[in-house]
Protein backbone atom coordinates (compact mmCIF):
# COMPACT_ATOMS: atom_id res chain seq x y z
CA MET A 1 2.24 -21.99 6.82
CA ALA A 2 0.74 -19.73 9.47
CA ASN A 3 -2.66 -20.39 11.01
CA GLN A 4 -5.17 -18.26 9.07
CA ALA A 5 -6.69 -16.97 12.33
CA SER A 6 -3.32 -15.66 13.57
CA ALA A 7 -1.74 -14.78 10.21
CA ARG A 8 -0.68 -11.16 9.71
CA VAL A 9 -0.17 -8.86 6.76
CA GLU A 10 1.82 -5.79 7.81
CA LEU A 11 2.71 -2.53 6.10
CA THR A 12 6.17 -2.40 7.68
CA ASP A 13 7.81 0.54 5.94
CA PHE A 14 6.28 3.55 4.22
CA PHE A 15 7.72 6.67 2.59
CA SER A 16 6.14 9.43 0.54
CA ASP A 17 7.13 12.84 -0.76
CA PHE A 18 5.85 15.03 -3.59
CA THR A 19 7.40 12.85 -6.33
CA THR A 20 7.25 9.20 -5.16
CA SER A 21 5.79 6.85 -2.58
CA ASP A 22 6.80 3.35 -1.51
CA VAL A 23 5.64 0.67 0.87
CA THR A 24 7.09 -2.61 2.13
CA ILE A 25 4.62 -5.38 2.95
CA ASN A 26 5.40 -8.45 5.09
CA SER A 27 3.03 -11.39 5.35
CA ASP A 28 2.74 -14.61 7.32
CA LEU A 29 0.63 -16.12 4.52
CA ASP A 30 0.46 -15.94 0.74
CA PHE A 31 -1.20 -12.60 0.01
CA GLN A 32 -2.64 -11.55 -3.32
CA GLY A 33 -4.41 -8.27 -3.70
CA LYS A 34 -3.50 -4.63 -4.23
CA ALA A 35 -1.98 -1.61 -2.55
CA VAL A 36 -3.91 1.62 -3.01
CA PHE A 37 -1.94 4.87 -2.80
CA GLU A 38 -4.13 7.96 -2.35
CA LEU A 39 -2.92 11.56 -2.39
CA LEU A 40 -5.31 14.04 -0.74
CA TYR A 41 -5.38 17.82 -0.49
CA SER A 42 -7.92 19.52 1.81
CA GLY A 43 -9.83 16.22 2.01
CA GLU A 44 -10.15 15.90 -1.77
CA LEU A 45 -8.60 13.08 -3.77
CA VAL A 46 -5.90 14.47 -6.08
CA GLU A 47 -4.30 11.28 -7.38
CA LEU A 48 -4.77 7.53 -6.93
CA HIS A 49 -2.63 4.50 -7.86
CA GLU A 50 -3.70 0.86 -7.48
CA VAL A 51 -0.74 -1.54 -7.59
CA PRO A 52 -1.09 -5.35 -7.72
CA VAL A 53 0.53 -7.17 -4.79
CA ASN A 54 1.59 -10.81 -4.63
CA VAL A 55 3.56 -11.66 -1.46
CA LYS A 56 4.67 -15.19 -0.61
CA ALA A 57 4.36 -16.37 3.00
CA GLY A 58 7.34 -15.27 5.11
CA GLU A 59 8.64 -12.83 2.48
CA SER A 60 8.52 -9.08 2.08
CA LEU A 61 7.71 -7.03 -1.01
CA THR A 62 8.32 -3.36 -1.79
CA LYS A 63 6.15 -1.40 -4.23
CA VAL A 64 7.05 2.06 -5.54
CA ILE A 65 4.88 4.54 -7.43
CA VAL A 66 5.68 7.88 -9.05
CA TRP A 67 3.15 10.65 -8.64
CA GLN A 68 2.21 11.83 -12.13
CA LYS A 69 1.20 15.38 -11.27
CA ASN A 70 3.53 18.13 -10.03
CA HIS A 71 2.54 18.64 -6.39
CA SER A 72 4.01 21.70 -4.71
CA MET A 73 1.44 22.03 -1.89
CA ILE A 74 1.21 20.04 1.36
CA PHE A 75 -0.72 16.81 0.85
CA ILE A 76 -1.88 13.88 2.96
CA GLN A 77 -0.97 10.46 1.59
CA LEU A 78 -2.98 7.37 2.52
CA LEU A 79 -2.14 3.75 1.86
CA SER A 80 -4.35 0.67 2.13
CA ALA A 81 -3.78 -2.96 1.19
CA TYR A 82 -6.64 -5.18 0.06
CA MET A 83 -6.88 -8.93 -0.41
CA LYS A 84 -8.72 -10.17 -3.51
CA GLU A 85 -12.06 -10.20 -1.66
CA GLN A 86 -11.49 -6.49 -0.79
CA THR A 87 -10.92 -6.89 2.97
CA PRO A 88 -8.84 -3.81 4.01
CA PHE A 89 -5.63 -4.04 6.04
CA GLN A 90 -4.37 -0.65 7.24
């Protein structure tokens, strides 16, 4: 197992369009927490999805969400990952 001080959790791949969004997470240590997908328009939150994440050390995990609303405008999509104690990794 990786040294906690040098362990990394990385958001290695990310895609989003007006219907779906996905992220791939790699981790040097066991990681339990959540991925938070936020869709913004003009600085205002339009839609939010919190997805549980459980990645084993040395493995990768992909999470996919489907936006529930029909979005035909240009939006900004943000993604954050949080460990159980709510420490953000971005």
